Amino acid sequence: MNTNLNILFYLKKPRGYNSGIVPVYMRITINYQRSEISIGREIEPSKWDTARRRAKGTLLQDYKHINIESSGWMQELATTIEELKTDRKY
C-alpha cells in the first residue's frame, strides 16, 4: 500500500491579532486525512520564512532551535510511518 505523508509547519495568528509573537503549528496529512497541533513554540511573524515554512536565521537566538526540533519531528514521523508499513498496520 502506498502511503501519502505530508508534514508542514505554519504560523497560526489568533483572532484579533495585532502584533507580537504567534504560535507555530504542525499539520500532518496522511492519505488525505489532516491533523494539526501546536508545537509549543512561538515566533515573531517577521522571523518566519513562509515559502520555506521555517524560522529565518542561523543563530540559536534567531529561532534556529525551532528548525532543529521540526526536522527531528519530521524524521520521527517518517520513521514511524515506515515501521507501520513494514508491520502492515497502515
Protein backbone atom coordinates (compact mmCIF):
# COMPACT_ATOMS: atom_id res chain seq x y z
CA MET A 1 0.00 0.00 0.00
CA ASN A 2 1.29 3.44 -0.90
CA THR A 3 1.05 5.94 1.97
CA ASN A 4 0.85 9.64 1.21
CA LEU A 5 2.55 11.62 4.01
CA ASN A 6 2.91 15.40 4.19
CA ILE A 7 4.18 17.47 7.13
CA LEU A 8 4.22 21.24 7.19
CA PHE A 9 4.81 23.96 9.74
CA TYR A 10 2.98 27.28 9.75
CA LEU A 11 2.04 30.23 11.92
CA LYS A 12 -1.49 30.49 13.23
CA LYS A 13 -2.49 34.00 14.18
CA PRO A 14 -5.23 34.20 16.81
CA ARG A 15 -8.41 36.21 16.27
CA GLY A 16 -7.91 39.88 16.93
CA TYR A 17 -4.16 39.57 16.34
CA ASN A 18 -2.43 42.95 16.10
CA SER A 19 1.25 42.30 16.67
CA GLY A 20 3.71 40.18 18.62
CA ILE A 21 4.60 36.51 18.71
CA VAL A 22 2.30 33.80 17.36
CA PRO A 23 2.23 30.02 17.85
CA VAL A 24 3.85 27.62 15.38
CA TYR A 25 1.65 24.73 14.29
CA MET A 26 2.43 21.43 12.59
CA ARG A 27 -0.02 19.90 10.12
CA ILE A 28 0.30 16.20 9.39
CA THR A 29 -1.55 14.76 6.41
CA ILE A 30 -1.64 11.00 5.90
CA ASN A 31 -3.65 9.69 2.97
CA TYR A 32 -5.59 12.97 2.81
CA GLN A 33 -6.56 12.95 6.50
CA ARG A 34 -5.29 16.04 8.29
CA SER A 35 -4.43 16.75 11.88
CA GLU A 36 -2.82 19.86 13.31
CA ILE A 37 -1.16 20.59 16.64
CA SER A 38 0.75 23.42 18.23
CA ILE A 39 4.42 22.56 18.66
CA GLY A 40 4.60 24.66 21.81
CA ARG A 41 6.81 27.34 20.30
CA GLU A 42 6.12 30.95 19.38
CA ILE A 43 7.83 33.29 16.96
CA GLU A 44 7.60 36.79 15.53
CA PRO A 45 5.97 36.63 12.07
CA SER A 46 8.84 38.72 10.68
CA LYS A 47 11.24 35.90 11.66
CA TRP A 48 9.24 33.25 9.75
CA ASP A 49 10.03 32.25 6.15
CA THR A 50 6.59 31.49 4.70
CA ALA A 51 7.91 29.96 1.47
CA ARG A 52 10.25 27.55 3.25
CA ARG A 53 7.92 27.13 6.24
CA ARG A 54 10.82 27.53 8.64
CA ALA A 55 12.25 30.11 11.00
CA LYS A 56 14.65 32.63 9.49
CA GLY A 57 18.17 32.99 10.81
CA THR A 58 21.03 30.71 11.68
CA LEU A 59 21.82 31.71 15.24
CA LEU A 60 20.23 29.95 18.21
CA GLN A 61 18.77 33.22 19.42
CA ASP A 62 17.24 33.63 15.95
CA TYR A 63 14.93 30.64 16.43
CA LYS A 64 17.25 28.02 14.94
CA HIS A 65 16.03 25.64 17.67
CA ILE A 66 12.57 25.63 16.05
CA ASN A 67 14.09 24.38 12.78
CA ILE A 68 16.13 21.72 14.57
CA GLU A 69 13.11 20.46 16.51
CA SER A 70 10.85 20.45 13.45
CA SER A 71 13.40 18.46 11.44
CA GLY A 72 13.56 15.92 14.25
CA TRP A 73 9.77 15.56 14.35
CA MET A 74 9.61 15.12 10.59
CA GLN A 75 12.20 12.34 10.78
CA GLU A 76 10.41 10.61 13.66
CA LEU A 77 7.08 10.70 11.83
CA ALA A 78 8.60 9.35 8.62
CA THR A 79 10.27 6.53 10.59
CA THR A 80 7.01 5.67 12.35
CA ILE A 81 5.12 5.52 9.05
CA GLU A 82 7.77 3.21 7.60
CA GLU A 83 7.54 0.95 10.66
CA LEU A 84 3.76 0.79 10.33
CA LYS A 85 4.08 -0.05 6.64
CA THR A 86 6.57 -2.81 7.46
CA ASP A 87 4.19 -4.24 10.08
CA ARG A 88 1.35 -3.79 7.54
CA LYS A 89 -0.69 -1.84 10.05
CA TYR A 90 -1.15 1.10 7.74
